[in-house]
C-alpha atoms as a PDB file:
ATOM      1  CA  UNK A   1       9.394   9.649  -7.822  1.00  0.00           C
ATOM      2  CA  UNK A   2       6.061   9.257  -9.599  1.00  0.00           C
ATOM      3  CA  UNK A   3       2.816  10.394  -7.960  1.00  0.00           C
ATOM      4  CA  UNK A   4      -0.370   8.343  -7.945  1.00  0.00           C
ATOM      5  CA  UNK A   5      -3.835   9.131  -6.596  1.00  0.00           C
ATOM      6  CA  UNK A   6      -6.791   7.234  -5.169  1.00  0.00           C
ATOM      7  CA  UNK A   7      -9.894   9.329  -4.514  1.00  0.00           C
ATOM      8  CA  UNK A   8     -12.875   7.029  -4.925  1.00  0.00           C
ATOM      9  CA  UNK A   9     -15.194   7.353  -7.913  1.00  0.00           C
ATOM     10  CA  UNK A  10     -13.642  10.651  -8.989  1.00  0.00           C
ATOM     11  CA  UNK A  11     -10.079   9.298  -9.114  1.00  0.00           C
ATOM     12  CA  UNK A  12      -9.607   9.329 -12.889  1.00  0.00           C
ATOM     13  CA  UNK A  13     -10.972  12.794 -13.562  1.00  0.00           C
ATOM     14  CA  UNK A  14      -9.168  14.281 -10.566  1.00  0.00           C
ATOM     15  CA  UNK A  15      -5.888  12.694 -11.655  1.00  0.00           C
ATOM     16  CA  UNK A  16      -6.228  14.370 -15.048  1.00  0.00           C
ATOM     17  CA  UNK A  17      -7.186  17.708 -13.496  1.00  0.00           C
ATOM     18  CA  UNK A  18      -4.276  17.640 -11.048  1.00  0.00           C
ATOM     19  CA  UNK A  19      -1.659  16.334 -13.459  1.00  0.00           C
ATOM     20  CA  UNK A  20      -1.186  13.089 -11.526  1.00  0.00           C
ATOM     21  CA  UNK A  21       0.081  10.246 -13.701  1.00  0.00           C
ATOM     22  CA  UNK A  22      -0.905   7.094 -11.838  1.00  0.00           C
ATOM     23  CA  UNK A  23      -4.139   5.543 -10.570  1.00  0.00           C
ATOM     24  CA  UNK A  24      -4.813   2.129  -9.009  1.00  0.00           C
ATOM     25  CA  UNK A  25      -6.833  -0.731 -10.415  1.00  0.00           C
ATOM     26  CA  UNK A  26      -8.259  -3.819  -8.730  1.00  0.00           C
ATOM     27  CA  UNK A  27      -6.935  -7.312  -9.363  1.00  0.00           C
ATOM     28  CA  UNK A  28     -10.446  -8.747  -9.642  1.00  0.00           C
ATOM     29  CA  UNK A  29     -11.360  -6.226 -12.355  1.00  0.00           C
ATOM     30  CA  UNK A  30      -8.187  -7.092 -14.237  1.00  0.00           C
ATOM     31  CA  UNK A  31      -8.998 -10.802 -14.095  1.00  0.00           C
ATOM     32  CA  UNK A  32     -12.762 -10.607 -14.623  1.00  0.00           C
ATOM     33  CA  UNK A  33     -12.874  -7.863 -17.277  1.00  0.00           C
ATOM     34  CA  UNK A  34      -9.493  -8.328 -18.945  1.00  0.00           C
ATOM     35  CA  UNK A  35      -6.588  -5.978 -19.507  1.00  0.00           C
ATOM     36  CA  UNK A  36      -8.019  -3.956 -22.391  1.00  0.00           C
ATOM     37  CA  UNK A  37     -11.376  -3.242 -20.760  1.00  0.00           C
ATOM     38  CA  UNK A  38      -9.826  -2.410 -17.391  1.00  0.00           C
ATOM     39  CA  UNK A  39      -7.246  -0.054 -18.859  1.00  0.00           C
ATOM     40  CA  UNK A  40      -9.494   1.641 -21.417  1.00  0.00           C
ATOM     41  CA  UNK A  41     -10.727   4.421 -19.074  1.00  0.00           C
ATOM     42  CA  UNK A  42      -7.110   5.109 -18.085  1.00  0.00           C
ATOM     43  CA  UNK A  43      -5.575   5.130 -21.540  1.00  0.00           C
ATOM     44  CA  UNK A  44      -8.338   7.401 -22.815  1.00  0.00           C
ATOM     45  CA  UNK A  45      -7.190   9.932 -20.224  1.00  0.00           C
ATOM     46  CA  UNK A  46      -3.449   9.369 -20.630  1.00  0.00           C
ATOM     47  CA  UNK A  47      -3.111   7.713 -17.213  1.00  0.00           C
ATOM     48  CA  UNK A  48      -1.009   4.768 -16.017  1.00  0.00           C
ATOM     49  CA  UNK A  49      -1.574   2.010 -13.464  1.00  0.00           C
ATOM     50  CA  UNK A  50       0.293   2.728 -10.225  1.00  0.00           C
ATOM     51  CA  UNK A  51      -0.949  -0.260  -8.212  1.00  0.00           C
ATOM     52  CA  UNK A  52      -2.917  -3.451  -8.662  1.00  0.00           C
ATOM     53  CA  UNK A  53      -4.904  -4.030  -5.492  1.00  0.00           C
ATOM     54  CA  UNK A  54      -5.403  -7.527  -4.103  1.00  0.00           C
ATOM     55  CA  UNK A  55      -5.865  -6.607  -0.449  1.00  0.00           C
ATOM     56  CA  UNK A  56      -8.354  -9.412   0.105  1.00  0.00           C
ATOM     57  CA  UNK A  57      -5.626 -12.037  -0.255  1.00  0.00           C
ATOM     58  CA  UNK A  58      -5.016 -13.194   3.321  1.00  0.00           C
ATOM     59  CA  UNK A  59      -3.245 -16.513   3.944  1.00  0.00           C
ATOM     60  CA  UNK A  60      -4.113 -16.359   7.662  1.00  0.00           C
ATOM     61  CA  UNK A  61      -7.890 -16.138   7.244  1.00  0.00           C
ATOM     62  CA  UNK A  62      -9.942 -19.086   8.449  1.00  0.00           C
ATOM     63  CA  UNK A  63     -12.569 -18.331   5.785  1.00  0.00           C
ATOM     64  CA  UNK A  64     -11.253 -21.042   3.489  1.00  0.00           C
ATOM     65  CA  UNK A  65     -13.787 -20.629   0.692  1.00  0.00           C
ATOM     66  CA  UNK A  66     -13.258 -16.872   0.464  1.00  0.00           C
ATOM     67  CA  UNK A  67      -9.510 -17.265   0.447  1.00  0.00           C
ATOM     68  CA  UNK A  68      -9.615 -19.866  -2.284  1.00  0.00           C
ATOM     69  CA  UNK A  69     -11.363 -17.274  -4.449  1.00  0.00           C
ATOM     70  CA  UNK A  70      -8.880 -14.557  -3.480  1.00  0.00           C
ATOM     71  CA  UNK A  71      -5.918 -16.833  -4.185  1.00  0.00           C
ATOM     72  CA  UNK A  72      -7.352 -17.760  -7.576  1.00  0.00           C
ATOM     73  CA  UNK A  73      -7.782 -14.077  -8.435  1.00  0.00           C
ATOM     74  CA  UNK A  74      -4.205 -13.276  -7.429  1.00  0.00           C
ATOM     75  CA  UNK A  75      -2.890 -16.308  -9.312  1.00  0.00           C
ATOM     76  CA  UNK A  76      -4.533 -15.050 -12.508  1.00  0.00           C
ATOM     77  CA  UNK A  77      -3.653 -11.389 -11.924  1.00  0.00           C
ATOM     78  CA  UNK A  78       0.104 -11.916 -11.598  1.00  0.00           C
ATOM     79  CA  UNK A  79       0.650 -12.927 -15.257  1.00  0.00           C
ATOM     80  CA  UNK A  80      -1.507  -9.974 -16.399  1.00  0.00           C
ATOM     81  CA  UNK A  81       0.411  -7.323 -14.454  1.00  0.00           C
ATOM     82  CA  UNK A  82       3.005  -6.815 -17.174  1.00  0.00           C
ATOM     83  CA  UNK A  83       0.335  -6.176 -19.803  1.00  0.00           C
ATOM     84  CA  UNK A  84      -1.258  -3.694 -17.390  1.00  0.00           C
ATOM     85  CA  UNK A  85       2.047  -1.850 -17.164  1.00  0.00           C
ATOM     86  CA  UNK A  86       2.450  -2.200 -13.395  1.00  0.00           C
ATOM     87  CA  UNK A  87       4.782  -4.552 -11.556  1.00  0.00           C
ATOM     88  CA  UNK A  88       3.294  -3.944  -8.095  1.00  0.00           C
ATOM     89  CA  UNK A  89       0.399  -5.922  -6.623  1.00  0.00           C
ATOM     90  CA  UNK A  90      -0.550  -4.784  -3.126  1.00  0.00           C
ATOM     91  CA  UNK A  91      -1.689  -7.386  -0.595  1.00  0.00           C
ATOM     92  CA  UNK A  92      -2.687  -7.244   3.063  1.00  0.00           C
ATOM     93  CA  UNK A  93      -0.521  -7.808   6.156  1.00  0.00           C
ATOM     94  CA  UNK A  94      -2.101 -11.115   7.173  1.00  0.00           C
ATOM     95  CA  UNK A  95      -4.875 -11.361   9.750  1.00  0.00           C
ATOM     96  CA  UNK A  96      -6.469 -14.371  11.411  1.00  0.00           C
ATOM     97  CA  UNK A  97      -9.624 -12.280  11.702  1.00  0.00           C
ATOM     98  CA  UNK A  98     -11.673 -12.477   8.522  1.00  0.00           C
ATOM     99  CA  UNK A  99     -12.243  -8.691   8.442  1.00  0.00           C
ATOM    100  CA  UNK A 100      -8.701  -8.239   7.131  1.00  0.00           C
ATOM    101  CA  UNK A 101      -8.134  -4.627   8.205  1.00  0.00           C
ATOM    102  CA  UNK A 102     -11.015  -3.811  10.540  1.00  0.00           C
ATOM    103  CA  UNK A 103     -10.285  -6.015  13.547  1.00  0.00           C
ATOM    104  CA  UNK A 104      -7.514  -8.244  14.868  1.00  0.00           C
ATOM    105  CA  UNK A 105      -6.814 -11.628  16.424  1.00  0.00           C
ATOM    106  CA  UNK A 106      -4.272 -12.311  19.178  1.00  0.00           C
ATOM    107  CA  UNK A 107      -2.710 -15.024  17.003  1.00  0.00           C
ATOM    108  CA  UNK A 108      -1.554 -12.318  14.577  1.00  0.00           C
ATOM    109  CA  UNK A 109       1.196 -11.277  16.948  1.00  0.00           C
ATOM    110  CA  UNK A 110       2.768 -14.711  17.411  1.00  0.00           C
ATOM    111  CA  UNK A 111       5.788 -15.883  15.425  1.00  0.00           C
ATOM    112  CA  UNK A 112       3.699 -18.729  14.027  1.00  0.00           C
ATOM    113  CA  UNK A 113       1.685 -16.171  12.058  1.00  0.00           C
ATOM    114  CA  UNK A 114       4.800 -15.159  10.121  1.00  0.00           C
ATOM    115  CA  UNK A 115       5.574 -18.795   9.338  1.00  0.00           C
ATOM    116  CA  UNK A 116       2.031 -19.404   8.093  1.00  0.00           C
ATOM    117  CA  UNK A 117       2.168 -16.227   6.010  1.00  0.00           C
ATOM    118  CA  UNK A 118       5.371 -17.434   4.366  1.00  0.00           C
ATOM    119  CA  UNK A 119       3.816 -20.810   3.566  1.00  0.00           C
ATOM    120  CA  UNK A 120       0.786 -19.167   1.979  1.00  0.00           C
ATOM    121  CA  UNK A 121       2.880 -16.690   0.019  1.00  0.00           C
ATOM    122  CA  UNK A 122       5.548 -18.958  -1.423  1.00  0.00           C
ATOM    123  CA  UNK A 123       3.530 -20.284  -4.413  1.00  0.00           C
ATOM    124  CA  UNK A 124       2.500 -16.737  -5.274  1.00  0.00           C
ATOM    125  CA  UNK A 125       6.055 -15.452  -4.891  1.00  0.00           C
ATOM    126  CA  UNK A 126       7.343 -18.174  -7.227  1.00  0.00           C
ATOM    127  CA  UNK A 127       4.763 -17.124  -9.815  1.00  0.00           C
ATOM    128  CA  UNK A 128       5.628 -13.449  -9.289  1.00  0.00           C
ATOM    129  CA  UNK A 129       9.313 -14.174  -9.905  1.00  0.00           C
ATOM    130  CA  UNK A 130       8.457 -15.757 -13.260  1.00  0.00           C
ATOM    131  CA  UNK A 131       6.548 -12.656 -14.356  1.00  0.00           C
ATOM    132  CA  UNK A 132       8.800  -9.961 -12.848  1.00  0.00           C
ATOM    133  CA  UNK A 133       6.056  -8.896 -10.441  1.00  0.00           C
ATOM    134  CA  UNK A 134       6.473  -7.639  -6.872  1.00  0.00           C
ATOM    135  CA  UNK A 135       3.922  -8.521  -4.221  1.00  0.00           C
ATOM    136  CA  UNK A 136       3.883  -5.617  -1.773  1.00  0.00           C
ATOM    137  CA  UNK A 137       2.688  -6.073   1.798  1.00  0.00           C
ATOM    138  CA  UNK A 138       1.695  -3.052   3.827  1.00  0.00           C
ATOM    139  CA  UNK A 139       2.795  -3.484   7.464  1.00  0.00           C
ATOM    140  CA  UNK A 140      -0.259  -2.634   9.544  1.00  0.00           C
ATOM    141  CA  UNK A 141      -0.810  -2.148  13.271  1.00  0.00           C
ATOM    142  CA  UNK A 142      -3.411  -4.928  13.700  1.00  0.00           C
ATOM    143  CA  UNK A 143      -1.904  -7.409  11.233  1.00  0.00           C
ATOM    144  CA  UNK A 144       0.667 -10.169  11.453  1.00  0.00           C
ATOM    145  CA  UNK A 145       3.205  -8.016   9.605  1.00  0.00           C
ATOM    146  CA  UNK A 146       3.075  -4.971  11.836  1.00  0.00           C
ATOM    147  CA  UNK A 147       6.631  -3.622  11.842  1.00  0.00           C
ATOM    148  CA  UNK A 148       9.713  -3.477   9.619  1.00  0.00           C
ATOM    149  CA  UNK A 149      11.281  -6.235  11.729  1.00  0.00           C
ATOM    150  CA  UNK A 150       8.356  -8.597  11.221  1.00  0.00           C
ATOM    151  CA  UNK A 151       8.394  -7.874   7.496  1.00  0.00           C
ATOM    152  CA  UNK A 152      12.097  -8.710   7.371  1.00  0.00           C
ATOM    153  CA  UNK A 153      11.448 -11.944   9.271  1.00  0.00           C
ATOM    154  CA  UNK A 154       8.848 -12.871   6.640  1.00  0.00           C
ATOM    155  CA  UNK A 155      11.189 -11.879   3.830  1.00  0.00           C
ATOM    156  CA  UNK A 156      13.897 -14.150   5.263  1.00  0.00           C
ATOM    157  CA  UNK A 157      11.506 -17.121   5.172  1.00  0.00           C
ATOM    158  CA  UNK A 158      10.285 -16.398   1.646  1.00  0.00           C
ATOM    159  CA  UNK A 159      13.817 -15.516   0.485  1.00  0.00           C
ATOM    160  CA  UNK A 160      12.795 -13.496  -2.564  1.00  0.00           C
ATOM    161  CA  UNK A 161      12.938  -9.846  -3.555  1.00  0.00           C
ATOM    162  CA  UNK A 162       9.629 -10.397  -5.345  1.00  0.00           C
ATOM    163  CA  UNK A 163       8.232  -9.739  -1.871  1.00  0.00           C
ATOM    164  CA  UNK A 164       8.324  -6.032  -1.008  1.00  0.00           C
ATOM    165  CA  UNK A 165       6.823  -3.745   1.618  1.00  0.00           C
ATOM    166  CA  UNK A 166       4.685  -0.667   1.218  1.00  0.00           C
ATOM    167  CA  UNK A 167       6.026   2.309   3.124  1.00  0.00           C
ATOM    168  CA  UNK A 168       3.111   3.817   5.038  1.00  0.00           C
ATOM    169  CA  UNK A 169       4.079   4.807   8.585  1.00  0.00           C
ATOM    170  CA  UNK A 170       0.555   5.957   9.411  1.00  0.00           C
ATOM    171  CA  UNK A 171      -0.624   2.344   9.165  1.00  0.00           C
ATOM    172  CA  UNK A 172       1.442   1.725  12.299  1.00  0.00           C
ATOM    173  CA  UNK A 173       0.578   4.817  14.340  1.00  0.00           C
ATOM    174  CA  UNK A 174      -0.508   4.266  17.903  1.00  0.00           C
ATOM    175  CA  UNK A 175      -1.622   7.158  20.122  1.00  0.00           C
ATOM    176  CA  UNK A 176       1.841   8.547  20.800  1.00  0.00           C
ATOM    177  CA  UNK A 177       2.868   8.214  17.155  1.00  0.00           C
ATOM    178  CA  UNK A 178      -0.152  10.270  16.135  1.00  0.00           C
ATOM    179  CA  UNK A 179       0.844  12.877  18.724  1.00  0.00           C
ATOM    180  CA  UNK A 180       4.478  12.953  17.567  1.00  0.00           C
ATOM    181  CA  UNK A 181       5.006  10.828  14.432  1.00  0.00           C
ATOM    182  CA  UNK A 182       8.589  11.745  13.484  1.00  0.00           C
ATOM    183  CA  UNK A 183      10.194   8.761  15.244  1.00  0.00           C
ATOM    184  CA  UNK A 184       7.825   6.245  13.635  1.00  0.00           C
ATOM    185  CA  UNK A 185       8.334   7.825  10.218  1.00  0.00           C
ATOM    186  CA  UNK A 186      12.097   7.501  10.691  1.00  0.00           C
ATOM    187  CA  UNK A 187      11.817   3.918  11.938  1.00  0.00           C
ATOM    188  CA  UNK A 188       9.637   2.743   9.044  1.00  0.00           C
ATOM    189  CA  UNK A 189      11.466   4.544   6.234  1.00  0.00           C
ATOM    190  CA  UNK A 190      14.903   3.399   7.372  1.00  0.00           C
ATOM    191  CA  UNK A 191      13.752  -0.032   8.567  1.00  0.00           C
ATOM    192  CA  UNK A 192      12.301  -0.930   5.160  1.00  0.00           C
ATOM    193  CA  UNK A 193      15.241   0.427   3.145  1.00  0.00           C
ATOM    194  CA  UNK A 194      16.146  -2.142   0.505  1.00  0.00           C
ATOM    195  CA  UNK A 195      12.671  -3.682   0.599  1.00  0.00           C
ATOM    196  CA  UNK A 196      10.512  -0.802  -0.639  1.00  0.00           C
ATOM    197  CA  UNK A 197       7.673  -1.603  -3.005  1.00  0.00           C
ATOM    198  CA  UNK A 198       5.217   1.290  -3.070  1.00  0.00           C
ATOM    199  CA  UNK A 199       4.817   4.355  -0.873  1.00  0.00           C
ATOM    200  CA  UNK A 200       1.331   5.107   0.469  1.00  0.00           C
ATOM    201  CA  UNK A 201       0.433   8.543   1.801  1.00  0.00           C
ATOM    202  CA  UNK A 202      -2.517   8.910   4.163  1.00  0.00           C
ATOM    203  CA  UNK A 203      -2.988  10.579   7.537  1.00  0.00           C
ATOM    204  CA  UNK A 204      -4.253   9.255  10.865  1.00  0.00           C
ATOM    205  CA  UNK A 205      -5.582  11.672  13.449  1.00  0.00           C
ATOM    206  CA  UNK A 206      -7.019  11.517  16.975  1.00  0.00           C
ATOM    207  CA  UNK A 207     -10.739  12.207  17.251  1.00  0.00           C
ATOM    208  CA  UNK A 208     -12.304  13.855  20.270  1.00  0.00           C
ATOM    209  CA  UNK A 209     -13.875  11.394  22.714  1.00  0.00           C
ATOM    210  CA  UNK A 210     -13.828   9.955  26.211  1.00  0.00           C
ATOM    211  CA  UNK A 211     -11.277   7.332  25.196  1.00  0.00           C
ATOM    212  CA  UNK A 212      -8.886   6.916  22.280  1.00  0.00           C
ATOM    213  CA  UNK A 213     -10.425   6.991  18.809  1.00  0.00           C
ATOM    214  CA  UNK A 214      -8.052   7.282  15.871  1.00  0.00           C
ATOM    215  CA  UNK A 215      -9.133   7.412  12.255  1.00  0.00           C
ATOM    216  CA  UNK A 216      -8.318   8.626   8.780  1.00  0.00           C
ATOM    217  CA  UNK A 217      -8.116  12.396   8.522  1.00  0.00           C
ATOM    218  CA  UNK A 218      -7.257  14.631   5.553  1.00  0.00           C
ATOM    219  CA  UNK A 219      -3.619  15.257   4.713  1.00  0.00           C
ATOM    220  CA  UNK A 220      -2.590  18.411   6.550  1.00  0.00           C
ATOM    221  CA  UNK A 221      -4.945  17.863   9.488  1.00  0.00           C
ATOM    222  CA  UNK A 222      -2.656  15.413  11.267  1.00  0.00           C
ATOM    223  CA  UNK A 223       0.926  15.813  12.420  1.00  0.00           C
ATOM    224  CA  UNK A 224       2.948  13.849   9.867  1.00  0.00           C
ATOM    225  CA  UNK A 225       5.881  15.807   8.451  1.00  0.00           C
ATOM    226  CA  UNK A 226       5.508  14.882   4.785  1.00  0.00           C
ATOM    227  CA  UNK A 227       8.793  16.523   3.819  1.00  0.00           C
ATOM    228  CA  UNK A 228      10.573  14.300   6.346  1.00  0.00           C
ATOM    229  CA  UNK A 229       8.889  11.173   4.986  1.00  0.00           C
ATOM    230  CA  UNK A 230       9.601  11.960   1.335  1.00  0.00           C
ATOM    231  CA  UNK A 231      13.225  12.864   2.002  1.00  0.00           C
ATOM    232  CA  UNK A 232      13.828   9.676   3.993  1.00  0.00           C
ATOM    233  CA  UNK A 233      12.177   7.314   1.536  1.00  0.00           C
ATOM    234  CA  UNK A 234      13.317   8.849  -1.773  1.00  0.00           C
ATOM    235  CA  UNK A 235      16.725   7.082  -1.941  1.00  0.00           C
ATOM    236  CA  UNK A 236      15.035   3.681  -1.576  1.00  0.00           C
ATOM    237  CA  UNK A 237      12.083   3.960  -3.989  1.00  0.00           C
ATOM    238  CA  UNK A 238      12.601   1.889  -7.169  1.00  0.00           C
ATOM    239  CA  UNK A 239      12.479   3.797 -10.454  1.00  0.00           C
ATOM    240  CA  UNK A 240       9.356   1.911 -11.583  1.00  0.00           C
ATOM    241  CA  UNK A 241       7.506   2.476  -8.306  1.00  0.00           C
ATOM    242  CA  UNK A 242       4.957   5.065  -7.200  1.00  0.00           C
ATOM    243  CA  UNK A 243       4.146   7.343  -4.294  1.00  0.00           C
ATOM    244  CA  UNK A 244       0.365   7.045  -3.966  1.00  0.00           C
ATOM    245  CA  UNK A 245      -1.846   9.519  -2.156  1.00  0.00           C
ATOM    246  CA  UNK A 246      -4.823   7.426  -1.069  1.00  0.00           C
ATOM    247  CA  UNK A 247      -8.219   7.605   0.631  1.00  0.00           C
ATOM    248  CA  UNK A 248      -9.115  11.158  -0.395  1.00  0.00           C
ATOM    249  CA  UNK A 249     -12.844  11.367   0.327  1.00  0.00           C
ATOM    250  CA  UNK A 250     -13.771  14.336  -1.853  1.00  0.00           C
ATOM    251  CA  UNK A 251     -12.510  16.359  -4.781  1.00  0.00           C
ATOM    252  CA  UNK A 252     -11.692  19.248  -2.463  1.00  0.00           C
ATOM    253  CA  UNK A 253      -9.671  16.982  -0.183  1.00  0.00           C
ATOM    254  CA  UNK A 254      -7.785  15.478  -3.132  1.00  0.00           C
ATOM    255  CA  UNK A 255      -6.877  18.912  -4.499  1.00  0.00           C
ATOM    256  CA  UNK A 256      -5.676  20.154  -1.118  1.00  0.00           C
ATOM    257  CA  UNK A 257      -3.757  16.947  -0.373  1.00  0.00           C
ATOM    258  CA  UNK A 258      -1.929  16.897  -3.703  1.00  0.00           C
ATOM    259  CA  UNK A 259      -0.918  20.531  -3.176  1.00  0.00           C
ATOM    260  CA  UNK A 260       0.409  19.754   0.317  1.00  0.00           C
ATOM    261  CA  UNK A 261       2.395  16.740  -0.875  1.00  0.00           C
ATOM    262  CA  UNK A 262       3.908  18.642  -3.801  1.00  0.00           C
ATOM    263  CA  UNK A 263       4.893  21.475  -1.479  1.00  0.00           C
ATOM    264  CA  UNK A 264       6.451  18.944   0.909  1.00  0.00           C
ATOM    265  CA  UNK A 265       8.444  17.417  -1.936  1.00  0.00           C
ATOM    266  CA  UNK A 266       9.799  20.851  -2.821  1.00  0.00           C
ATOM    267  CA  UNK A 267      10.736  21.432   0.818  1.00  0.00           C
ATOM    268  CA  UNK A 268      12.463  18.048   0.926  1.00  0.00           C
ATOM    269  CA  UNK A 269      14.370  18.700  -2.291  1.00  0.00           C
ATOM    270  CA  UNK A 270      12.977  15.630  -4.012  1.00  0.00           C
ATOM    271  CA  UNK A 271      11.377  15.336  -7.426  1.00  0.00           C
ATOM    272  CA  UNK A 272       7.758  14.209  -7.529  1.00  0.00           C
ATOM    273  CA  UNK A 273       6.373  13.927 -11.044  1.00  0.00           C
END
């Protein structure tokens, strides 16, 4: 499996320093600036694109004007993905709330949300099929696609393997999963077998407080068994895909996280290049 890294403004230099091959780019940069300009900082450093991000695309949003712009960006990005050297465009899980990932709407959890997602995705999936691109949804706790089963229900409606799922169990952690995540890791990695797009590695921890507050925390400071995750997912990761360590907030965190993940891969007996 190939390792990618996202660490904010320092991503490119840290990737070179740490010997990480892949870094993400944004779909809007690809469309607005063009392939050559977007890739120039990567190629100068010997890096590759591990993910094209289009997380703002949200067929459930009621912000029609914003979504028209997002859809137009995605529509133009799909044909450019091949020239960028990456077949994977990451999109959100669908959310009736315009915040996308920050809040939720009760309508997200109804079956009708899956049907509406499928309707919004089908034109994009047809375009992706023509260009050998995979649109990868990350199942997320607050979104419409919030479990392997709901992803598979969406996949059945779209009926195309151009639709894939990101494996990121921490995006689904509730309180008890954060306390003891092994069962959720097992459920997500096995439940998405055959549908894997990308693998995202981040950690969710429980902050101190009167009531429950869960948030991003550095790799190694939560309870996820990374060797378990890598061993479970490795048989199902496509050869052209990536395992991406994301949301590192400092150079020190990125260095420590990459070391932990590489050690976990060794423990799991899997190859992470």
